[in-house]
């Protein structure tokens, strides 16, 4: 299995432009023979999103861009960072997560297990972001196939 690590330079707040960067990275990785491409933390929102997370519709719009990326994962597995909403116990809380797209759909995610508020990590430590659990990826029911 061949793995590509994509170094891209997303722009904070440019959701559509950042999605295009992910699509380009996936195309380039696929053309180079990779089976999986891994992209940075919070690549869709740009890093760090800070107060944009509080803007009405920003996270929802980012999730729409994430949904649009599913098609790009038909021939290559894409692992990327995104902001996810907590839907049960804390409906307004957010999670910084790694999302796995494969076979043209979202197949799993894993939220960052801890969020620290030290001066060194302050850019990613927004009060609305809560830690995830330490369980394995959520919803992974896919088999990754090696290309011939």
C-alpha atoms as a PDB file:
ATOM      1  CA  UNK A   1       0.000   0.000   0.000  1.00  0.00           C
ATOM      2  CA  UNK A   2       1.414   3.382  -1.001  1.00  0.00           C
ATOM      3  CA  UNK A   3       0.840   6.411   1.216  1.00  0.00           C
ATOM      4  CA  UNK A   4       1.158  10.045   0.168  1.00  0.00           C
ATOM      5  CA  UNK A   5       1.440  12.881   2.656  1.00  0.00           C
ATOM      6  CA  UNK A   6       0.233  16.109   1.078  1.00  0.00           C
ATOM      7  CA  UNK A   7       1.704  19.369   2.246  1.00  0.00           C
ATOM      8  CA  UNK A   8      -0.742  22.087   1.245  1.00  0.00           C
ATOM      9  CA  UNK A   9      -1.177  25.697   2.280  1.00  0.00           C
ATOM     10  CA  UNK A  10      -4.881  26.255   3.026  1.00  0.00           C
ATOM     11  CA  UNK A  11      -6.246  29.741   3.506  1.00  0.00           C
ATOM     12  CA  UNK A  12      -8.174  30.413   6.704  1.00  0.00           C
ATOM     13  CA  UNK A  13     -11.865  30.736   5.841  1.00  0.00           C
ATOM     14  CA  UNK A  14     -11.598  29.807   2.134  1.00  0.00           C
ATOM     15  CA  UNK A  15     -13.681  26.647   2.302  1.00  0.00           C
ATOM     16  CA  UNK A  16     -14.129  26.154  -1.444  1.00  0.00           C
ATOM     17  CA  UNK A  17     -10.514  26.988  -2.229  1.00  0.00           C
ATOM     18  CA  UNK A  18      -9.291  24.630   0.469  1.00  0.00           C
ATOM     19  CA  UNK A  19     -11.517  21.845  -0.884  1.00  0.00           C
ATOM     20  CA  UNK A  20      -9.928  22.409  -4.289  1.00  0.00           C
ATOM     21  CA  UNK A  21      -6.472  22.046  -2.675  1.00  0.00           C
ATOM     22  CA  UNK A  22      -7.540  18.676  -1.232  1.00  0.00           C
ATOM     23  CA  UNK A  23      -8.915  17.531  -4.599  1.00  0.00           C
ATOM     24  CA  UNK A  24      -5.687  18.565  -6.352  1.00  0.00           C
ATOM     25  CA  UNK A  25      -3.584  16.768  -3.727  1.00  0.00           C
ATOM     26  CA  UNK A  26      -5.707  13.629  -4.106  1.00  0.00           C
ATOM     27  CA  UNK A  27      -5.375  13.747  -7.911  1.00  0.00           C
ATOM     28  CA  UNK A  28      -1.606  14.222  -7.688  1.00  0.00           C
ATOM     29  CA  UNK A  29      -1.237  11.402  -5.141  1.00  0.00           C
ATOM     30  CA  UNK A  30      -3.400   9.056  -7.223  1.00  0.00           C
ATOM     31  CA  UNK A  31      -1.360   9.841 -10.356  1.00  0.00           C
ATOM     32  CA  UNK A  32       1.828   9.041  -8.413  1.00  0.00           C
ATOM     33  CA  UNK A  33       0.435   5.619  -7.476  1.00  0.00           C
ATOM     34  CA  UNK A  34      -0.694   6.304  -3.901  1.00  0.00           C
ATOM     35  CA  UNK A  35      -3.549   4.357  -2.349  1.00  0.00           C
ATOM     36  CA  UNK A  36      -4.014   6.816   0.531  1.00  0.00           C
ATOM     37  CA  UNK A  37      -3.390  10.547   0.807  1.00  0.00           C
ATOM     38  CA  UNK A  38      -3.129  12.228   4.217  1.00  0.00           C
ATOM     39  CA  UNK A  39      -3.719  15.967   4.573  1.00  0.00           C
ATOM     40  CA  UNK A  40      -3.232  18.367   7.494  1.00  0.00           C
ATOM     41  CA  UNK A  41      -5.316  19.110  10.535  1.00  0.00           C
ATOM     42  CA  UNK A  42      -8.202  21.516   9.831  1.00  0.00           C
ATOM     43  CA  UNK A  43      -7.305  21.649   6.136  1.00  0.00           C
ATOM     44  CA  UNK A  44     -10.823  22.641   5.042  1.00  0.00           C
ATOM     45  CA  UNK A  45     -11.214  25.554   7.439  1.00  0.00           C
ATOM     46  CA  UNK A  46      -7.616  26.690   7.220  1.00  0.00           C
ATOM     47  CA  UNK A  47      -5.490  26.856  10.324  1.00  0.00           C
ATOM     48  CA  UNK A  48      -6.331  28.252  12.813  1.00  0.00           C
ATOM     49  CA  UNK A  49     -10.039  29.004  12.259  1.00  0.00           C
ATOM     50  CA  UNK A  50     -10.436  30.722  15.671  1.00  0.00           C
ATOM     51  CA  UNK A  51     -13.514  33.022  15.695  1.00  0.00           C
ATOM     52  CA  UNK A  52     -14.765  31.721  12.334  1.00  0.00           C
ATOM     53  CA  UNK A  53     -15.994  28.709  14.302  1.00  0.00           C
ATOM     54  CA  UNK A  54     -18.491  31.048  15.986  1.00  0.00           C
ATOM     55  CA  UNK A  55     -19.780  32.488  12.708  1.00  0.00           C
ATOM     56  CA  UNK A  56     -23.267  31.265  11.900  1.00  0.00           C
ATOM     57  CA  UNK A  57     -23.105  28.594   9.224  1.00  0.00           C
ATOM     58  CA  UNK A  58     -19.298  28.329   8.981  1.00  0.00           C
ATOM     59  CA  UNK A  59     -19.026  24.795  10.363  1.00  0.00           C
ATOM     60  CA  UNK A  60     -22.137  23.727   8.446  1.00  0.00           C
ATOM     61  CA  UNK A  61     -20.640  25.123   5.208  1.00  0.00           C
ATOM     62  CA  UNK A  62     -17.355  23.330   5.938  1.00  0.00           C
ATOM     63  CA  UNK A  63     -19.304  20.072   6.326  1.00  0.00           C
ATOM     64  CA  UNK A  64     -20.886  20.691   2.901  1.00  0.00           C
ATOM     65  CA  UNK A  65     -17.402  20.998   1.417  1.00  0.00           C
ATOM     66  CA  UNK A  66     -16.446  17.770   3.190  1.00  0.00           C
ATOM     67  CA  UNK A  67     -19.492  16.083   1.650  1.00  0.00           C
ATOM     68  CA  UNK A  68     -18.477  17.394  -1.783  1.00  0.00           C
ATOM     69  CA  UNK A  69     -15.036  15.795  -1.318  1.00  0.00           C
ATOM     70  CA  UNK A  70     -16.530  12.313  -1.025  1.00  0.00           C
ATOM     71  CA  UNK A  71     -16.546  11.940  -4.828  1.00  0.00           C
ATOM     72  CA  UNK A  72     -12.785  12.564  -4.934  1.00  0.00           C
ATOM     73  CA  UNK A  73     -12.290   9.462  -2.760  1.00  0.00           C
ATOM     74  CA  UNK A  74     -13.627   6.964  -5.305  1.00  0.00           C
ATOM     75  CA  UNK A  75     -10.136   5.866  -6.375  1.00  0.00           C
ATOM     76  CA  UNK A  76      -7.994   6.953  -3.419  1.00  0.00           C
ATOM     77  CA  UNK A  77      -8.527   7.038   0.336  1.00  0.00           C
ATOM     78  CA  UNK A  78      -8.423  10.595   1.684  1.00  0.00           C
ATOM     79  CA  UNK A  79      -7.628  11.322   5.336  1.00  0.00           C
ATOM     80  CA  UNK A  80      -8.047  14.962   6.309  1.00  0.00           C
ATOM     81  CA  UNK A  81      -8.702  17.194   9.267  1.00  0.00           C
ATOM     82  CA  UNK A  82     -12.112  18.816   9.747  1.00  0.00           C
ATOM     83  CA  UNK A  83     -14.323  20.344  12.417  1.00  0.00           C
ATOM     84  CA  UNK A  84     -17.222  18.110  13.419  1.00  0.00           C
ATOM     85  CA  UNK A  85     -20.263  18.981  15.492  1.00  0.00           C
ATOM     86  CA  UNK A  86     -21.211  17.037  18.598  1.00  0.00           C
ATOM     87  CA  UNK A  87     -24.820  16.014  18.053  1.00  0.00           C
ATOM     88  CA  UNK A  88     -25.882  14.361  21.288  1.00  0.00           C
ATOM     89  CA  UNK A  89     -24.785  15.514  24.742  1.00  0.00           C
ATOM     90  CA  UNK A  90     -23.419  18.929  23.724  1.00  0.00           C
ATOM     91  CA  UNK A  91     -25.099  20.126  20.531  1.00  0.00           C
ATOM     92  CA  UNK A  92     -23.052  23.339  20.325  1.00  0.00           C
ATOM     93  CA  UNK A  93     -19.678  21.687  20.973  1.00  0.00           C
ATOM     94  CA  UNK A  94     -17.241  21.021  18.149  1.00  0.00           C
ATOM     95  CA  UNK A  95     -14.504  18.461  17.633  1.00  0.00           C
ATOM     96  CA  UNK A  96     -11.241  18.658  15.740  1.00  0.00           C
ATOM     97  CA  UNK A  97     -11.219  15.342  13.888  1.00  0.00           C
ATOM     98  CA  UNK A  98      -9.475  13.219  11.304  1.00  0.00           C
ATOM     99  CA  UNK A  99     -12.013  12.136   8.705  1.00  0.00           C
ATOM    100  CA  UNK A 100     -11.571   9.160   6.364  1.00  0.00           C
ATOM    101  CA  UNK A 101     -13.188   9.264   2.924  1.00  0.00           C
ATOM    102  CA  UNK A 102     -13.023   6.130   0.769  1.00  0.00           C
ATOM    103  CA  UNK A 103     -15.003   4.574  -2.035  1.00  0.00           C
ATOM    104  CA  UNK A 104     -16.839   7.846  -2.648  1.00  0.00           C
ATOM    105  CA  UNK A 105     -18.163   8.215   0.887  1.00  0.00           C
ATOM    106  CA  UNK A 106     -17.346   9.178   4.466  1.00  0.00           C
ATOM    107  CA  UNK A 107     -16.287   5.941   6.143  1.00  0.00           C
ATOM    108  CA  UNK A 108     -15.033   7.089   9.528  1.00  0.00           C
ATOM    109  CA  UNK A 109     -13.642   9.747  11.802  1.00  0.00           C
ATOM    110  CA  UNK A 110     -11.643  10.124  14.991  1.00  0.00           C
ATOM    111  CA  UNK A 111     -11.814  13.247  17.159  1.00  0.00           C
ATOM    112  CA  UNK A 112      -8.677  14.631  18.757  1.00  0.00           C
ATOM    113  CA  UNK A 113      -8.566  12.898  22.156  1.00  0.00           C
ATOM    114  CA  UNK A 114      -7.379  15.909  24.131  1.00  0.00           C
ATOM    115  CA  UNK A 115      -7.482  19.646  23.753  1.00  0.00           C
ATOM    116  CA  UNK A 116      -4.930  21.642  25.663  1.00  0.00           C
ATOM    117  CA  UNK A 117      -5.031  25.336  26.361  1.00  0.00           C
ATOM    118  CA  UNK A 118      -1.341  26.135  26.719  1.00  0.00           C
ATOM    119  CA  UNK A 119       0.291  29.154  25.054  1.00  0.00           C
ATOM    120  CA  UNK A 120       1.886  26.815  22.506  1.00  0.00           C
ATOM    121  CA  UNK A 121      -1.430  25.310  21.402  1.00  0.00           C
ATOM    122  CA  UNK A 122      -3.693  28.330  21.824  1.00  0.00           C
ATOM    123  CA  UNK A 123      -4.416  28.725  18.072  1.00  0.00           C
ATOM    124  CA  UNK A 124      -6.199  25.355  17.978  1.00  0.00           C
ATOM    125  CA  UNK A 125      -7.702  25.540  21.438  1.00  0.00           C
ATOM    126  CA  UNK A 126     -11.017  27.244  20.851  1.00  0.00           C
ATOM    127  CA  UNK A 127     -13.446  27.041  23.797  1.00  0.00           C
ATOM    128  CA  UNK A 128     -16.093  25.364  21.617  1.00  0.00           C
ATOM    129  CA  UNK A 129     -13.775  22.461  20.728  1.00  0.00           C
ATOM    130  CA  UNK A 130     -14.128  19.541  23.106  1.00  0.00           C
ATOM    131  CA  UNK A 131     -11.903  16.452  23.281  1.00  0.00           C
ATOM    132  CA  UNK A 132     -12.925  13.223  21.625  1.00  0.00           C
ATOM    133  CA  UNK A 133     -12.792   9.811  23.189  1.00  0.00           C
ATOM    134  CA  UNK A 134      -9.903   7.391  22.817  1.00  0.00           C
ATOM    135  CA  UNK A 135     -11.904   4.857  20.837  1.00  0.00           C
ATOM    136  CA  UNK A 136     -10.876   3.684  17.342  1.00  0.00           C
ATOM    137  CA  UNK A 137     -12.184   5.385  14.226  1.00  0.00           C
ATOM    138  CA  UNK A 138     -15.938   5.750  14.177  1.00  0.00           C
ATOM    139  CA  UNK A 139     -18.074   4.138  11.452  1.00  0.00           C
ATOM    140  CA  UNK A 140     -15.249   2.366   9.620  1.00  0.00           C
ATOM    141  CA  UNK A 141     -16.834  -0.407   7.601  1.00  0.00           C
ATOM    142  CA  UNK A 142     -14.680  -0.414   4.510  1.00  0.00           C
ATOM    143  CA  UNK A 143     -11.954  -2.577   3.083  1.00  0.00           C
ATOM    144  CA  UNK A 144      -9.046  -0.728   1.574  1.00  0.00           C
ATOM    145  CA  UNK A 145      -8.035  -2.406  -1.653  1.00  0.00           C
ATOM    146  CA  UNK A 146      -4.533  -2.315  -3.035  1.00  0.00           C
ATOM    147  CA  UNK A 147      -4.324  -1.090  -6.604  1.00  0.00           C
ATOM    148  CA  UNK A 148      -2.960  -3.481  -9.214  1.00  0.00           C
END
